[in-house]
PDB file of N, CA and C in Angstrom:
ATOM      1  N   UNK A   1     -23.476  -2.694  -7.310  1.00  0.00           N
ATOM      2  CA  UNK A   1     -22.696  -1.881  -6.590  1.00  0.00           C
ATOM      3  C   UNK A   1     -21.318  -2.446  -6.287  1.00  0.00           C
ATOM      4  N   UNK A   2     -20.402  -1.632  -6.403  1.00  0.00           N
ATOM      5  CA  UNK A   2     -18.886  -2.097  -6.077  1.00  0.00           C
ATOM      6  C   UNK A   2     -18.768  -2.199  -4.552  1.00  0.00           C
ATOM      7  N   UNK A   3     -18.089  -3.316  -4.162  1.00  0.00           N
ATOM      8  CA  UNK A   3     -17.785  -3.544  -2.771  1.00  0.00           C
ATOM      9  C   UNK A   3     -16.420  -2.922  -2.350  1.00  0.00           C
ATOM     10  N   UNK A   4     -16.278  -2.631  -1.149  1.00  0.00           N
ATOM     11  CA  UNK A   4     -14.879  -2.173  -0.652  1.00  0.00           C
ATOM     12  C   UNK A   4     -13.922  -3.386  -0.787  1.00  0.00           C
ATOM     13  N   UNK A   5     -12.729  -3.081  -1.053  1.00  0.00           N
ATOM     14  CA  UNK A   5     -11.668  -4.205  -1.236  1.00  0.00           C
ATOM     15  C   UNK A   5     -10.355  -3.617  -0.718  1.00  0.00           C
ATOM     16  N   UNK A   6      -9.619  -4.464   0.000  1.00  0.00           N
ATOM     17  CA  UNK A   6      -8.309  -4.216   0.555  1.00  0.00           C
ATOM     18  C   UNK A   6      -7.304  -5.151  -0.037  1.00  0.00           C
ATOM     19  N   UNK A   7      -6.239  -4.576  -0.532  1.00  0.00           N
ATOM     20  CA  UNK A   7      -5.076  -5.309  -0.985  1.00  0.00           C
ATOM     21  C   UNK A   7      -3.903  -4.885  -0.270  1.00  0.00           C
ATOM     22  N   UNK A   8      -3.011  -5.706   0.162  1.00  0.00           N
ATOM     23  CA  UNK A   8      -1.840  -5.477   0.896  1.00  0.00           C
ATOM     24  C   UNK A   8      -0.624  -6.151   0.235  1.00  0.00           C
ATOM     25  N   UNK A   9       0.477  -5.461   0.029  1.00  0.00           N
ATOM     26  CA  UNK A   9       1.752  -6.009  -0.488  1.00  0.00           C
ATOM     27  C   UNK A   9       2.867  -5.756   0.520  1.00  0.00           C
ATOM     28  N   UNK A  10       3.725  -6.756   0.661  1.00  0.00           N
ATOM     29  CA  UNK A  10       4.933  -6.500   1.353  1.00  0.00           C
ATOM     30  C   UNK A  10       6.022  -6.122   0.337  1.00  0.00           C
ATOM     31  N   UNK A  11       6.964  -5.298   0.691  1.00  0.00           N
ATOM     32  CA  UNK A  11       8.055  -4.837  -0.104  1.00  0.00           C
ATOM     33  C   UNK A  11       9.196  -5.747   0.173  1.00  0.00           C
ATOM     34  N   UNK A  12       9.648  -6.476  -0.817  1.00  0.00           N
ATOM     35  CA  UNK A  12      10.855  -7.383  -0.759  1.00  0.00           C
ATOM     36  C   UNK A  12      11.832  -6.932  -1.816  1.00  0.00           C
ATOM     37  N   UNK A  13      12.982  -6.345  -1.374  1.00  0.00           N
ATOM     38  CA  UNK A  13      13.978  -5.773  -2.244  1.00  0.00           C
ATOM     39  C   UNK A  13      13.323  -4.792  -3.173  1.00  0.00           C
ATOM     40  N   UNK A  14      13.285  -5.063  -4.415  1.00  0.00           N
ATOM     41  CA  UNK A  14      12.742  -4.026  -5.508  1.00  0.00           C
ATOM     42  C   UNK A  14      11.429  -4.359  -6.014  1.00  0.00           C
ATOM     43  N   UNK A  15      10.648  -5.286  -5.302  1.00  0.00           N
ATOM     44  CA  UNK A  15       9.256  -5.643  -5.743  1.00  0.00           C
ATOM     45  C   UNK A  15       8.366  -5.741  -4.729  1.00  0.00           C
ATOM     46  N   UNK A  16       7.061  -5.737  -5.073  1.00  0.00           N
ATOM     47  CA  UNK A  16       6.012  -5.976  -4.049  1.00  0.00           C
ATOM     48  C   UNK A  16       5.388  -7.282  -4.290  1.00  0.00           C
ATOM     49  N   UNK A  17       5.065  -7.923  -3.170  1.00  0.00           N
ATOM     50  CA  UNK A  17       4.402  -9.315  -3.100  1.00  0.00           C
ATOM     51  C   UNK A  17       3.218  -9.159  -2.466  1.00  0.00           C
ATOM     52  N   UNK A  18       2.119  -9.631  -3.210  1.00  0.00           N
ATOM     53  CA  UNK A  18       0.703  -9.549  -2.532  1.00  0.00           C
ATOM     54  C   UNK A  18       0.543 -10.599  -1.404  1.00  0.00           C
ATOM     55  N   UNK A  19       0.005 -10.030  -0.311  1.00  0.00           N
ATOM     56  CA  UNK A  19      -0.196 -10.827   0.810  1.00  0.00           C
ATOM     57  C   UNK A  19      -1.572 -11.327   0.776  1.00  0.00           C
ATOM     58  N   UNK A  20      -1.747 -12.626   1.066  1.00  0.00           N
ATOM     59  CA  UNK A  20      -3.120 -13.277   1.131  1.00  0.00           C
ATOM     60  C   UNK A  20      -3.898 -12.575   2.110  1.00  0.00           C
ATOM     61  N   UNK A  21      -5.285 -12.357   1.865  1.00  0.00           N
ATOM     62  CA  UNK A  21      -6.237 -11.775   2.729  1.00  0.00           C
ATOM     63  C   UNK A  21      -6.134 -12.192   4.197  1.00  0.00           C
ATOM     64  N   UNK A  22      -5.844 -13.535   4.397  1.00  0.00           N
ATOM     65  CA  UNK A  22      -5.819 -14.007   5.788  1.00  0.00           C
ATOM     66  C   UNK A  22      -4.628 -13.412   6.578  1.00  0.00           C
ATOM     67  N   UNK A  23      -3.513 -12.903   5.834  1.00  0.00           N
ATOM     68  CA  UNK A  23      -2.478 -12.469   6.561  1.00  0.00           C
ATOM     69  C   UNK A  23      -2.305 -10.960   6.473  1.00  0.00           C
ATOM     70  N   UNK A  24      -3.307 -10.204   6.016  1.00  0.00           N
ATOM     71  CA  UNK A  24      -3.175  -8.796   5.813  1.00  0.00           C
ATOM     72  C   UNK A  24      -3.152  -8.050   7.158  1.00  0.00           C
ATOM     73  N   UNK A  25      -3.371  -8.556   8.237  1.00  0.00           N
ATOM     74  CA  UNK A  25      -3.365  -7.926   9.479  1.00  0.00           C
ATOM     75  C   UNK A  25      -2.008  -8.132  10.183  1.00  0.00           C
ATOM     76  N   UNK A  26      -1.079  -8.890   9.646  1.00  0.00           N
ATOM     77  CA  UNK A  26       0.166  -9.264  10.237  1.00  0.00           C
ATOM     78  C   UNK A  26       1.360  -8.408   9.646  1.00  0.00           C
ATOM     79  N   UNK A  27       1.567  -7.263  10.236  1.00  0.00           N
ATOM     80  CA  UNK A  27       2.603  -6.411   9.875  1.00  0.00           C
ATOM     81  C   UNK A  27       3.753  -6.598  10.798  1.00  0.00           C
ATOM     82  N   UNK A  28       5.016  -6.628  10.206  1.00  0.00           N
ATOM     83  CA  UNK A  28       6.182  -6.919  11.113  1.00  0.00           C
ATOM     84  C   UNK A  28       7.028  -5.680  11.246  1.00  0.00           C
ATOM     85  N   UNK A  29       7.759  -5.426  12.354  1.00  0.00           N
ATOM     86  CA  UNK A  29       8.434  -4.279  12.493  1.00  0.00           C
ATOM     87  C   UNK A  29       9.571  -4.096  11.549  1.00  0.00           C
ATOM     88  N   UNK A  30      10.102  -5.063  11.000  1.00  0.00           N
ATOM     89  CA  UNK A  30      11.117  -5.045  10.043  1.00  0.00           C
ATOM     90  C   UNK A  30      10.657  -4.831   8.550  1.00  0.00           C
ATOM     91  N   UNK A  31       9.351  -4.779   8.450  1.00  0.00           N
ATOM     92  CA  UNK A  31       8.848  -4.794   7.023  1.00  0.00           C
ATOM     93  C   UNK A  31       8.346  -3.425   6.525  1.00  0.00           C
ATOM     94  N   UNK A  32       8.190  -3.281   5.189  1.00  0.00           N
ATOM     95  CA  UNK A  32       7.604  -2.156   4.550  1.00  0.00           C
ATOM     96  C   UNK A  32       6.351  -2.731   3.765  1.00  0.00           C
ATOM     97  N   UNK A  33       5.247  -2.020   3.763  1.00  0.00           N
ATOM     98  CA  UNK A  33       4.037  -2.557   3.173  1.00  0.00           C
ATOM     99  C   UNK A  33       3.367  -1.533   2.405  1.00  0.00           C
ATOM    100  N   UNK A  34       2.741  -1.813   1.264  1.00  0.00           N
ATOM    101  CA  UNK A  34       1.828  -0.927   0.534  1.00  0.00           C
ATOM    102  C   UNK A  34       0.453  -1.517   0.579  1.00  0.00           C
ATOM    103  N   UNK A  35      -0.548  -0.510   0.708  1.00  0.00           N
ATOM    104  CA  UNK A  35      -1.871  -1.110   0.714  1.00  0.00           C
ATOM    105  C   UNK A  35      -2.685  -0.174  -0.272  1.00  0.00           C
ATOM    106  N   UNK A  36      -3.719  -0.930  -0.759  1.00  0.00           N
ATOM    107  CA  UNK A  36      -4.685  -0.150  -1.568  1.00  0.00           C
ATOM    108  C   UNK A  36      -6.012  -0.504  -1.213  1.00  0.00           C
ATOM    109  N   UNK A  37      -6.836   0.514  -0.771  1.00  0.00           N
ATOM    110  CA  UNK A  37      -8.270   0.319  -0.356  1.00  0.00           C
ATOM    111  C   UNK A  37      -9.174   1.017  -1.421  1.00  0.00           C
ATOM    112  N   UNK A  38      -9.942   0.216  -2.003  1.00  0.00           N
ATOM    113  CA  UNK A  38     -11.047   0.697  -2.996  1.00  0.00           C
ATOM    114  C   UNK A  38     -12.351   0.650  -2.426  1.00  0.00           C
ATOM    115  N   UNK A  39     -13.244   1.613  -2.696  1.00  0.00           N
ATOM    116  CA  UNK A  39     -14.579   1.629  -2.165  1.00  0.00           C
ATOM    117  C   UNK A  39     -15.418   2.386  -3.098  1.00  0.00           C
ATOM    118  N   UNK A  40     -16.741   2.233  -3.061  1.00  0.00           N
ATOM    119  CA  UNK A  40     -17.673   2.914  -3.987  1.00  0.00           C
ATOM    120  C   UNK A  40     -17.762   4.323  -3.557  1.00  0.00           C
ATOM    121  N   UNK A  41     -17.640   5.223  -4.555  1.00  0.00           N
ATOM    122  CA  UNK A  41     -17.840   6.620  -4.405  1.00  0.00           C
ATOM    123  C   UNK A  41     -19.150   7.012  -4.990  1.00  0.00           C
ATOM    124  N   UNK A  42     -19.404   8.382  -5.077  1.00  0.00           N
ATOM    125  CA  UNK A  42     -20.768   8.857  -5.571  1.00  0.00           C
ATOM    126  C   UNK A  42     -20.831   8.482  -7.026  1.00  0.00           C
ATOM    127  N   UNK A  43     -19.775   8.704  -7.791  1.00  0.00           N
ATOM    128  CA  UNK A  43     -19.826   8.655  -9.262  1.00  0.00           C
ATOM    129  C   UNK A  43     -18.955   7.490  -9.813  1.00  0.00           C
ATOM    130  N   UNK A  44     -17.906   7.094  -9.044  1.00  0.00           N
ATOM    131  CA  UNK A  44     -16.974   6.141  -9.396  1.00  0.00           C
ATOM    132  C   UNK A  44     -16.291   5.527  -8.214  1.00  0.00           C
ATOM    133  N   UNK A  45     -15.565   4.527  -8.516  1.00  0.00           N
ATOM    134  CA  UNK A  45     -14.736   3.938  -7.420  1.00  0.00           C
ATOM    135  C   UNK A  45     -13.647   4.738  -6.945  1.00  0.00           C
ATOM    136  N   UNK A  46     -13.516   4.841  -5.563  1.00  0.00           N
ATOM    137  CA  UNK A  46     -12.546   5.725  -5.034  1.00  0.00           C
ATOM    138  C   UNK A  46     -11.288   4.847  -4.405  1.00  0.00           C
ATOM    139  N   UNK A  47     -10.163   5.405  -4.242  1.00  0.00           N
ATOM    140  CA  UNK A  47      -9.001   4.678  -3.845  1.00  0.00           C
ATOM    141  C   UNK A  47      -8.274   5.430  -2.779  1.00  0.00           C
ATOM    142  N   UNK A  48      -7.663   4.698  -1.842  1.00  0.00           N
ATOM    143  CA  UNK A  48      -6.731   5.188  -0.917  1.00  0.00           C
ATOM    144  C   UNK A  48      -5.541   4.220  -0.948  1.00  0.00           C
ATOM    145  N   UNK A  49      -4.381   4.779  -1.318  1.00  0.00           N
ATOM    146  CA  UNK A  49      -3.112   4.023  -1.365  1.00  0.00           C
ATOM    147  C   UNK A  49      -2.124   4.592  -0.359  1.00  0.00           C
ATOM    148  N   UNK A  50      -1.482   3.707   0.336  1.00  0.00           N
ATOM    149  CA  UNK A  50      -0.542   4.142   1.365  1.00  0.00           C
ATOM    150  C   UNK A  50       0.532   3.166   1.607  1.00  0.00           C
ATOM    151  N   UNK A  51       1.496   3.607   2.459  1.00  0.00           N
ATOM    152  CA  UNK A  51       2.633   2.735   2.825  1.00  0.00           C
ATOM    153  C   UNK A  51       2.594   2.740   4.407  1.00  0.00           C
ATOM    154  N   UNK A  52       3.156   1.635   4.909  1.00  0.00           N
ATOM    155  CA  UNK A  52       3.385   1.447   6.274  1.00  0.00           C
ATOM    156  C   UNK A  52       4.857   0.973   6.498  1.00  0.00           C
ATOM    157  N   UNK A  53       5.588   1.675   7.354  1.00  0.00           N
ATOM    158  CA  UNK A  53       6.954   1.298   7.495  1.00  0.00           C
ATOM    159  C   UNK A  53       7.158   0.789   8.961  1.00  0.00           C
ATOM    160  N   UNK A  54       7.660  -0.318   9.209  1.00  0.00           N
ATOM    161  CA  UNK A  54       8.035  -0.841  10.479  1.00  0.00           C
ATOM    162  C   UNK A  54       9.188  -0.062  11.078  1.00  0.00           C
ATOM    163  N   UNK A  55       9.332   0.026  12.320  1.00  0.00           N
ATOM    164  CA  UNK A  55      10.393   0.820  12.955  1.00  0.00           C
ATOM    165  C   UNK A  55      11.743   0.195  12.654  1.00  0.00           C
ATOM    166  N   UNK A  56      11.810  -1.131  12.322  1.00  0.00           N
ATOM    167  CA  UNK A  56      13.123  -1.708  12.072  1.00  0.00           C
ATOM    168  C   UNK A  56      13.304  -1.954  10.604  1.00  0.00           C
ATOM    169  N   UNK A  57      12.460  -1.330   9.749  1.00  0.00           N
ATOM    170  CA  UNK A  57      12.578  -1.454   8.247  1.00  0.00           C
ATOM    171  C   UNK A  57      13.771  -0.731   7.825  1.00  0.00           C
ATOM    172  N   UNK A  58      14.355  -1.095   6.589  1.00  0.00           N
ATOM    173  CA  UNK A  58      15.458  -0.660   6.154  1.00  0.00           C
ATOM    174  C   UNK A  58      15.152   0.451   5.088  1.00  0.00           C
ATOM    175  N   UNK A  59      16.025   1.410   4.933  1.00  0.00           N
ATOM    176  CA  UNK A  59      15.820   2.643   4.020  1.00  0.00           C
ATOM    177  C   UNK A  59      15.567   2.282   2.631  1.00  0.00           C
ATOM    178  N   UNK A  60      16.337   1.212   2.162  1.00  0.00           N
ATOM    179  CA  UNK A  60      16.255   0.852   0.695  1.00  0.00           C
ATOM    180  C   UNK A  60      14.758   0.452   0.325  1.00  0.00           C
ATOM    181  N   UNK A  61      14.193  -0.319   1.248  1.00  0.00           N
ATOM    182  CA  UNK A  61      12.876  -0.899   0.989  1.00  0.00           C
ATOM    183  C   UNK A  61      11.913   0.262   1.290  1.00  0.00           C
ATOM    184  N   UNK A  62      12.108   1.209   2.135  1.00  0.00           N
ATOM    185  CA  UNK A  62      11.209   2.418   2.268  1.00  0.00           C
ATOM    186  C   UNK A  62      11.119   3.156   0.985  1.00  0.00           C
ATOM    187  N   UNK A  63      12.301   3.388   0.444  1.00  0.00           N
ATOM    188  CA  UNK A  63      12.392   4.103  -0.969  1.00  0.00           C
ATOM    189  C   UNK A  63      11.649   3.333  -1.945  1.00  0.00           C
ATOM    190  N   UNK A  64      11.797   2.030  -2.085  1.00  0.00           N
ATOM    191  CA  UNK A  64      11.209   1.168  -2.982  1.00  0.00           C
ATOM    192  C   UNK A  64       9.553   1.302  -2.740  1.00  0.00           C
ATOM    193  N   UNK A  65       9.189   1.202  -1.565  1.00  0.00           N
ATOM    194  CA  UNK A  65       7.778   1.224  -1.286  1.00  0.00           C
ATOM    195  C   UNK A  65       7.217   2.627  -1.744  1.00  0.00           C
ATOM    196  N   UNK A  66       7.866   3.764  -1.489  1.00  0.00           N
ATOM    197  CA  UNK A  66       7.397   5.038  -1.927  1.00  0.00           C
ATOM    198  C   UNK A  66       7.312   4.991  -3.422  1.00  0.00           C
ATOM    199  N   UNK A  67       8.340   4.559  -4.085  1.00  0.00           N
ATOM    200  CA  UNK A  67       8.312   4.548  -5.603  1.00  0.00           C
ATOM    201  C   UNK A  67       7.224   3.769  -6.154  1.00  0.00           C
ATOM    202  N   UNK A  68       6.984   2.545  -5.754  1.00  0.00           N
ATOM    203  CA  UNK A  68       5.961   1.623  -6.078  1.00  0.00           C
ATOM    204  C   UNK A  68       4.523   2.249  -5.859  1.00  0.00           C
ATOM    205  N   UNK A  69       4.413   2.914  -4.729  1.00  0.00           N
ATOM    206  CA  UNK A  69       3.103   3.509  -4.286  1.00  0.00           C
ATOM    207  C   UNK A  69       2.817   4.539  -5.324  1.00  0.00           C
ATOM    208  N   UNK A  70       3.949   5.411  -5.822  1.00  0.00           N
ATOM    209  CA  UNK A  70       3.748   6.434  -6.791  1.00  0.00           C
ATOM    210  C   UNK A  70       3.301   5.911  -8.075  1.00  0.00           C
ATOM    211  N   UNK A  71       3.942   4.697  -8.447  1.00  0.00           N
ATOM    212  CA  UNK A  71       3.595   4.155  -9.726  1.00  0.00           C
ATOM    213  C   UNK A  71       2.102   3.650  -9.664  1.00  0.00           C
ATOM    214  N   UNK A  72       1.627   3.114  -8.580  1.00  0.00           N
ATOM    215  CA  UNK A  72       0.330   2.597  -8.428  1.00  0.00           C
ATOM    216  C   UNK A  72      -0.693   3.829  -8.590  1.00  0.00           C
ATOM    217  N   UNK A  73      -0.333   4.939  -7.993  1.00  0.00           N
ATOM    218  CA  UNK A  73      -1.223   6.173  -8.127  1.00  0.00           C
ATOM    219  C   UNK A  73      -1.228   6.697  -9.462  1.00  0.00           C
ATOM    220  N   UNK A  74      -0.082   6.598 -10.204  1.00  0.00           N
ATOM    221  CA  UNK A  74      -0.034   7.087 -11.528  1.00  0.00           C
ATOM    222  C   UNK A  74      -0.903   6.142 -12.429  1.00  0.00           C
ATOM    223  N   UNK A  75      -0.856   4.914 -12.282  1.00  0.00           N
ATOM    224  CA  UNK A  75      -1.594   3.934 -13.078  1.00  0.00           C
ATOM    225  C   UNK A  75      -3.072   4.111 -12.833  1.00  0.00           C
ATOM    226  N   UNK A  76      -3.476   4.659 -11.824  1.00  0.00           N
ATOM    227  CA  UNK A  76      -4.921   5.011 -11.575  1.00  0.00           C
ATOM    228  C   UNK A  76      -5.136   6.500 -11.860  1.00  0.00           C
ATOM    229  N   UNK A  77      -4.391   7.137 -12.688  1.00  0.00           N
ATOM    230  CA  UNK A  77      -4.559   8.392 -13.096  1.00  0.00           C
ATOM    231  C   UNK A  77      -4.557   9.496 -11.939  1.00  0.00           C
ATOM    232  N   UNK A  78      -3.799   9.155 -10.865  1.00  0.00           N
ATOM    233  CA  UNK A  78      -3.617  10.010  -9.734  1.00  0.00           C
ATOM    234  C   UNK A  78      -4.977  10.229  -9.040  1.00  0.00           C
ATOM    235  N   UNK A  79      -5.909   9.361  -9.055  1.00  0.00           N
ATOM    236  CA  UNK A  79      -7.225   9.528  -8.486  1.00  0.00           C
ATOM    237  C   UNK A  79      -7.165   9.231  -6.950  1.00  0.00           C
ATOM    238  N   UNK A  80      -6.354   8.300  -6.581  1.00  0.00           N
ATOM    239  CA  UNK A  80      -6.338   7.970  -5.131  1.00  0.00           C
ATOM    240  C   UNK A  80      -5.687   9.041  -4.158  1.00  0.00           C
ATOM    241  N   UNK A  81      -6.247   9.073  -2.999  1.00  0.00           N
ATOM    242  CA  UNK A  81      -5.418   9.911  -1.971  1.00  0.00           C
ATOM    243  C   UNK A  81      -4.262   9.062  -1.576  1.00  0.00           C
ATOM    244  N   UNK A  82      -3.167   9.640  -1.191  1.00  0.00           N
ATOM    245  CA  UNK A  82      -2.025   8.910  -0.765  1.00  0.00           C
ATOM    246  C   UNK A  82      -1.712   9.188   0.696  1.00  0.00           C
ATOM    247  N   UNK A  83      -1.377   8.163   1.438  1.00  0.00           N
ATOM    248  CA  UNK A  83      -0.879   8.368   2.827  1.00  0.00           C
ATOM    249  C   UNK A  83       0.277   7.500   3.107  1.00  0.00           C
ATOM    250  N   UNK A  84       1.071   7.884   4.190  1.00  0.00           N
ATOM    251  CA  UNK A  84       2.178   7.111   4.686  1.00  0.00           C
ATOM    252  C   UNK A  84       2.144   7.070   6.157  1.00  0.00           C
ATOM    253  N   UNK A  85       2.492   5.791   6.723  1.00  0.00           N
ATOM    254  CA  UNK A  85       2.528   5.616   8.166  1.00  0.00           C
ATOM    255  C   UNK A  85       3.953   5.281   8.501  1.00  0.00           C
ATOM    256  N   UNK A  86       4.523   5.977   9.378  1.00  0.00           N
ATOM    257  CA  UNK A  86       5.934   5.654   9.788  1.00  0.00           C
ATOM    258  C   UNK A  86       5.858   5.326  11.328  1.00  0.00           C
ATOM    259  N   UNK A  87       6.475   4.046  11.518  1.00  0.00           N
ATOM    260  CA  UNK A  87       6.679   3.692  12.988  1.00  0.00           C
ATOM    261  C   UNK A  87       8.002   3.530  13.208  1.00  0.00           C
ATOM    262  N   UNK A  88       8.808   4.640  13.466  1.00  0.00           N
ATOM    263  CA  UNK A  88      10.197   4.660  13.524  1.00  0.00           C
ATOM    264  C   UNK A  88      10.583   4.925  14.990  1.00  0.00           C
TER     265      UNK A  88
END
């Protein structure tokens, strides 16, 4: 059986940087983050992909995060549900 798995990336300029599991709960108000949660479904692995924008994050990184999130969903053949959290 597939186990649930959470991956979190911080957006830095035009790229995403994987955050170690020990730091995944540390979001900063000036940051933008992308997360992917995978979990076992009935027939296959299911995915939830989303973004989290700190209230002091910059627009350029928000745009990058949305673009990168879309590319992640596309690479998974658009199977994941997508969400966004804005704290502005």
